[in-house]
Amino acid sequence: MRCPNCGKDADRVCDSRLVLEGSAIRRRRECSFCGQRFTTFEYIERVPIMVIKSDGRREVYERDKLISGILLACRKRPISREMVEELVNSIEKELADEYRLEIESKELGEMVLKRLLKLDEVAYVRFASVYKKFENIKQFQEELQRIKEMKRKGGEDGKE
């Protein structure tokens, strides 16, 4: 590692610690040439997940875009940003555990809906109305009936 002070490639590691819940390593270093101390971070390089849109285009998955869409559905509902972040974390963990590099937008939407139903039915319907492109009241009624049916069967986890 080059010293940011003198530019020499002669340093030693003084201290190493896990940070960011173990997803990175923070290292304190000291330049053997000039004595300057500096900090470096090591992160795992993640391969971006590609989202396959309904028209076949591929876009890089954007966490903030997904969070924004969910937050919009949760507006004026008793759901904190932290809860939404946890929801997205669980989706990202599931994708990482399955070593997924691509996901269809439809499947991603279903993953969100499954988790939203556990959090808040109103937020679920709001998200579903945009995700499924509801065009009339009948589609809302059908979705509400589907929720009632899942609850009646005890399948509140989003599985039918």
C-alpha atoms as a PDB file:
ATOM      1  CA  MET A   1       0.000   0.000   0.000  1.00  0.00           C
ATOM      2  CA  ARG A   2       1.405   3.387  -0.940  1.00  0.00           C
ATOM      3  CA  CYS A   3       1.715   5.955   1.834  1.00  0.00           C
ATOM      4  CA  PRO A   4      -0.595   8.929   1.152  1.00  0.00           C
ATOM      5  CA  ASN A   5       2.067  11.243   2.658  1.00  0.00           C
ATOM      6  CA  CYS A   6       5.315  10.230   0.925  1.00  0.00           C
ATOM      7  CA  GLY A   7       4.126   7.774  -1.745  1.00  0.00           C
ATOM      8  CA  LYS A   8       6.535   5.003  -0.686  1.00  0.00           C
ATOM      9  CA  ASP A   9       5.374   1.411  -0.745  1.00  0.00           C
ATOM     10  CA  ALA A  10       6.785   0.495   2.656  1.00  0.00           C
ATOM     11  CA  ASP A  11       4.208   0.167   5.421  1.00  0.00           C
ATOM     12  CA  ARG A  12       3.236  -2.205   8.181  1.00  0.00           C
ATOM     13  CA  VAL A  13      -0.194  -3.049   9.561  1.00  0.00           C
ATOM     14  CA  CYS A  14      -0.588  -1.854  13.173  1.00  0.00           C
ATOM     15  CA  ASP A  15      -4.187  -2.957  13.753  1.00  0.00           C
ATOM     16  CA  SER A  16      -6.949  -4.813  11.872  1.00  0.00           C
ATOM     17  CA  ARG A  17     -10.642  -4.898  12.795  1.00  0.00           C
ATOM     18  CA  LEU A  18     -13.854  -6.155  11.241  1.00  0.00           C
ATOM     19  CA  VAL A  19     -16.328  -3.346  10.539  1.00  0.00           C
ATOM     20  CA  LEU A  20     -19.738  -2.961   8.907  1.00  0.00           C
ATOM     21  CA  GLU A  21     -21.023  -6.166  10.500  1.00  0.00           C
ATOM     22  CA  GLY A  22     -18.060  -8.154   9.219  1.00  0.00           C
ATOM     23  CA  SER A  23     -18.384  -7.119   5.587  1.00  0.00           C
ATOM     24  CA  ALA A  24     -15.180  -5.048   5.640  1.00  0.00           C
ATOM     25  CA  ILE A  25     -11.795  -4.886   7.355  1.00  0.00           C
ATOM     26  CA  ARG A  26     -10.377  -1.638   8.715  1.00  0.00           C
ATOM     27  CA  ARG A  27      -6.571  -1.557   8.895  1.00  0.00           C
ATOM     28  CA  ARG A  28      -4.372   1.028  10.613  1.00  0.00           C
ATOM     29  CA  ARG A  29      -1.046   1.246   8.845  1.00  0.00           C
ATOM     30  CA  GLU A  30       2.225   3.015   9.487  1.00  0.00           C
ATOM     31  CA  CYS A  31       4.651   4.018   6.771  1.00  0.00           C
ATOM     32  CA  SER A  32       8.089   2.526   7.484  1.00  0.00           C
ATOM     33  CA  PHE A  33       9.730   5.375   5.565  1.00  0.00           C
ATOM     34  CA  CYS A  34       8.144   8.568   6.986  1.00  0.00           C
ATOM     35  CA  GLY A  35       6.236   7.248  10.034  1.00  0.00           C
ATOM     36  CA  GLN A  36       2.844   8.603   8.849  1.00  0.00           C
ATOM     37  CA  ARG A  37      -0.171   6.579  10.087  1.00  0.00           C
ATOM     38  CA  PHE A  38      -3.187   6.048   7.832  1.00  0.00           C
ATOM     39  CA  THR A  39      -6.286   3.892   7.611  1.00  0.00           C
ATOM     40  CA  THR A  40      -7.386   1.596   4.799  1.00  0.00           C
ATOM     41  CA  PHE A  41     -10.547  -0.437   4.300  1.00  0.00           C
ATOM     42  CA  GLU A  42     -10.958  -3.738   2.476  1.00  0.00           C
ATOM     43  CA  TYR A  43     -14.346  -4.686   1.064  1.00  0.00           C
ATOM     44  CA  ILE A  44     -15.628  -7.720  -0.753  1.00  0.00           C
ATOM     45  CA  GLU A  45     -16.120  -6.851  -4.391  1.00  0.00           C
ATOM     46  CA  ARG A  46     -19.638  -7.802  -5.286  1.00  0.00           C
ATOM     47  CA  VAL A  47     -20.725  -8.651  -8.792  1.00  0.00           C
ATOM     48  CA  PRO A  48     -23.774  -6.536  -9.615  1.00  0.00           C
ATOM     49  CA  ILE A  49     -27.125  -8.268  -9.917  1.00  0.00           C
ATOM     50  CA  MET A  50     -28.908  -7.641 -13.195  1.00  0.00           C
ATOM     51  CA  VAL A  51     -32.671  -7.110 -13.277  1.00  0.00           C
ATOM     52  CA  ILE A  52     -34.370  -8.447 -16.401  1.00  0.00           C
ATOM     53  CA  LYS A  53     -37.209  -6.084 -17.243  1.00  0.00           C
ATOM     54  CA  SER A  54     -40.499  -7.255 -18.761  1.00  0.00           C
ATOM     55  CA  ASP A  55     -39.392  -6.040 -22.221  1.00  0.00           C
ATOM     56  CA  GLY A  56     -36.157  -8.055 -21.980  1.00  0.00           C
ATOM     57  CA  ARG A  57     -33.828  -5.149 -21.185  1.00  0.00           C
ATOM     58  CA  ARG A  58     -31.289  -5.660 -18.438  1.00  0.00           C
ATOM     59  CA  GLU A  59     -30.560  -3.044 -15.789  1.00  0.00           C
ATOM     60  CA  VAL A  60     -28.151  -3.104 -12.870  1.00  0.00           C
ATOM     61  CA  TYR A  61     -30.048  -3.707  -9.633  1.00  0.00           C
ATOM     62  CA  GLU A  62     -30.334  -0.486  -7.646  1.00  0.00           C
ATOM     63  CA  ARG A  63     -31.014  -0.887  -3.940  1.00  0.00           C
ATOM     64  CA  ASP A  64     -32.097   2.754  -3.567  1.00  0.00           C
ATOM     65  CA  LYS A  65     -34.619   2.416  -6.395  1.00  0.00           C
ATOM     66  CA  LEU A  66     -36.216  -0.591  -4.697  1.00  0.00           C
ATOM     67  CA  ILE A  67     -36.257   1.146  -1.307  1.00  0.00           C
ATOM     68  CA  SER A  68     -37.863   4.248  -2.844  1.00  0.00           C
ATOM     69  CA  GLY A  69     -40.644   2.191  -4.397  1.00  0.00           C
ATOM     70  CA  ILE A  70     -41.350   0.392  -1.142  1.00  0.00           C
ATOM     71  CA  LEU A  71     -41.228   3.625   0.881  1.00  0.00           C
ATOM     72  CA  LEU A  72     -43.782   5.138  -1.481  1.00  0.00           C
ATOM     73  CA  ALA A  73     -46.148   2.231  -0.807  1.00  0.00           C
ATOM     74  CA  CYS A  74     -45.517   2.603   2.942  1.00  0.00           C
ATOM     75  CA  ARG A  75     -46.158   6.351   3.031  1.00  0.00           C
ATOM     76  CA  LYS A  76     -48.247   7.366   6.066  1.00  0.00           C
ATOM     77  CA  ARG A  77     -48.196   3.774   7.334  1.00  0.00           C
ATOM     78  CA  PRO A  78     -46.608   2.578  10.602  1.00  0.00           C
ATOM     79  CA  ILE A  79     -43.505   1.262   8.822  1.00  0.00           C
ATOM     80  CA  SER A  80     -40.096   2.776   9.539  1.00  0.00           C
ATOM     81  CA  ARG A  81     -37.284   3.203   7.062  1.00  0.00           C
ATOM     82  CA  GLU A  82     -35.344   0.634   9.121  1.00  0.00           C
ATOM     83  CA  MET A  83     -38.107  -1.914   8.543  1.00  0.00           C
ATOM     84  CA  VAL A  84     -37.952  -1.255   4.802  1.00  0.00           C
ATOM     85  CA  GLU A  85     -34.145  -1.579   4.863  1.00  0.00           C
ATOM     86  CA  GLU A  86     -34.483  -4.921   6.685  1.00  0.00           C
ATOM     87  CA  LEU A  87     -36.990  -6.072   4.069  1.00  0.00           C
ATOM     88  CA  VAL A  88     -34.563  -5.194   1.256  1.00  0.00           C
ATOM     89  CA  ASN A  89     -31.654  -6.761   3.192  1.00  0.00           C
ATOM     90  CA  SER A  90     -33.586 -10.031   3.403  1.00  0.00           C
ATOM     91  CA  ILE A  91     -34.195  -9.987  -0.360  1.00  0.00           C
ATOM     92  CA  GLU A  92     -30.526  -9.244  -1.074  1.00  0.00           C
ATOM     93  CA  LYS A  93     -29.435 -11.990   1.330  1.00  0.00           C
ATOM     94  CA  GLU A  94     -31.734 -14.492  -0.372  1.00  0.00           C
ATOM     95  CA  LEU A  95     -30.296 -13.560  -3.775  1.00  0.00           C
ATOM     96  CA  ALA A  96     -26.721 -13.777  -2.450  1.00  0.00           C
ATOM     97  CA  ASP A  97     -27.376 -17.138  -0.769  1.00  0.00           C
ATOM     98  CA  GLU A  98     -28.640 -18.478  -4.092  1.00  0.00           C
ATOM     99  CA  TYR A  99     -25.664 -16.937  -5.968  1.00  0.00           C
ATOM    100  CA  ARG A 100     -28.094 -15.150  -8.275  1.00  0.00           C
ATOM    101  CA  LEU A 101     -26.568 -12.806 -10.828  1.00  0.00           C
ATOM    102  CA  GLU A 102     -29.851 -12.090 -12.597  1.00  0.00           C
ATOM    103  CA  ILE A 103     -33.465 -11.824 -11.529  1.00  0.00           C
ATOM    104  CA  GLU A 104     -36.595 -11.019 -13.474  1.00  0.00           C
ATOM    105  CA  SER A 105     -38.335  -7.848 -12.312  1.00  0.00           C
ATOM    106  CA  LYS A 106     -41.515  -9.900 -11.858  1.00  0.00           C
ATOM    107  CA  GLU A 107     -39.784 -12.241  -9.407  1.00  0.00           C
ATOM    108  CA  LEU A 108     -38.224  -9.321  -7.544  1.00  0.00           C
ATOM    109  CA  GLY A 109     -41.662  -7.738  -7.219  1.00  0.00           C
ATOM    110  CA  GLU A 110     -43.089 -10.997  -5.857  1.00  0.00           C
ATOM    111  CA  MET A 111     -40.296 -11.150  -3.273  1.00  0.00           C
ATOM    112  CA  VAL A 112     -41.235  -7.634  -2.127  1.00  0.00           C
ATOM    113  CA  LEU A 113     -44.954  -8.454  -2.010  1.00  0.00           C
ATOM    114  CA  LYS A 114     -44.374 -11.602   0.025  1.00  0.00           C
ATOM    115  CA  ARG A 115     -42.518  -9.585   2.672  1.00  0.00           C
ATOM    116  CA  LEU A 116     -44.818  -6.545   2.557  1.00  0.00           C
ATOM    117  CA  LEU A 117     -47.853  -8.697   3.264  1.00  0.00           C
ATOM    118  CA  LYS A 118     -46.285  -9.656   6.589  1.00  0.00           C
ATOM    119  CA  LEU A 119     -45.654  -5.987   7.437  1.00  0.00           C
ATOM    120  CA  ASP A 120     -48.749  -4.114   6.311  1.00  0.00           C
ATOM    121  CA  GLU A 121     -51.699  -5.074   4.101  1.00  0.00           C
ATOM    122  CA  VAL A 122     -52.298  -1.500   2.924  1.00  0.00           C
ATOM    123  CA  ALA A 123     -48.667  -1.096   1.847  1.00  0.00           C
ATOM    124  CA  TYR A 124     -48.958  -4.488   0.130  1.00  0.00           C
ATOM    125  CA  VAL A 125     -51.991  -3.362  -1.900  1.00  0.00           C
ATOM    126  CA  ARG A 126     -50.362  -0.047  -2.777  1.00  0.00           C
ATOM    127  CA  PHE A 127     -47.186  -1.756  -3.989  1.00  0.00           C
ATOM    128  CA  ALA A 128     -49.185  -4.428  -5.830  1.00  0.00           C
ATOM    129  CA  SER A 129     -51.281  -1.789  -7.610  1.00  0.00           C
ATOM    130  CA  VAL A 130     -48.179  -0.234  -9.144  1.00  0.00           C
ATOM    131  CA  TYR A 131     -46.191  -3.445  -9.618  1.00  0.00           C
ATOM    132  CA  LYS A 132     -49.120  -5.307 -11.202  1.00  0.00           C
ATOM    133  CA  LYS A 133     -50.321  -2.187 -13.053  1.00  0.00           C
ATOM    134  CA  PHE A 134     -53.896  -2.177 -11.769  1.00  0.00           C
ATOM    135  CA  GLU A 135     -56.137  -0.302 -14.177  1.00  0.00           C
ATOM    136  CA  ASN A 136     -59.536  -0.589 -12.505  1.00  0.00           C
ATOM    137  CA  ILE A 137     -61.286  -1.188  -9.205  1.00  0.00           C
ATOM    138  CA  LYS A 138     -61.971  -4.833 -10.105  1.00  0.00           C
ATOM    139  CA  GLN A 139     -58.241  -5.600  -9.988  1.00  0.00           C
ATOM    140  CA  PHE A 140     -58.040  -4.065  -6.506  1.00  0.00           C
ATOM    141  CA  GLN A 141     -61.000  -6.175  -5.396  1.00  0.00           C
ATOM    142  CA  GLU A 142     -59.422  -9.340  -6.792  1.00  0.00           C
ATOM    143  CA  GLU A 143     -56.172  -8.625  -4.943  1.00  0.00           C
ATOM    144  CA  LEU A 144     -58.053  -7.951  -1.703  1.00  0.00           C
ATOM    145  CA  GLN A 145     -59.944 -11.217  -2.167  1.00  0.00           C
ATOM    146  CA  ARG A 146     -56.634 -13.012  -2.699  1.00  0.00           C
ATOM    147  CA  ILE A 147     -55.313 -11.583   0.596  1.00  0.00           C
ATOM    148  CA  LYS A 148     -58.475 -12.651   2.439  1.00  0.00           C
ATOM    149  CA  GLU A 149     -58.156 -16.137   0.972  1.00  0.00           C
ATOM    150  CA  MET A 150     -54.491 -16.419   2.009  1.00  0.00           C
ATOM    151  CA  LYS A 151     -55.334 -15.296   5.552  1.00  0.00           C
ATOM    152  CA  ARG A 152     -58.259 -17.735   5.730  1.00  0.00           C
ATOM    153  CA  LYS A 153     -55.977 -20.598   4.708  1.00  0.00           C
ATOM    154  CA  GLY A 154     -53.339 -19.437   7.170  1.00  0.00           C
ATOM    155  CA  GLY A 155     -50.924 -18.663   4.332  1.00  0.00           C
ATOM    156  CA  GLU A 156     -50.113 -15.129   5.369  1.00  0.00           C
ATOM    157  CA  ASP A 157     -46.522 -15.686   4.239  1.00  0.00           C
ATOM    158  CA  GLY A 158     -47.547 -14.918   0.684  1.00  0.00           C
ATOM    159  CA  LYS A 159     -47.699 -18.519  -0.540  1.00  0.00           C
ATOM    160  CA  GLU A 160     -50.889 -19.870  -1.986  1.00  0.00           C
END
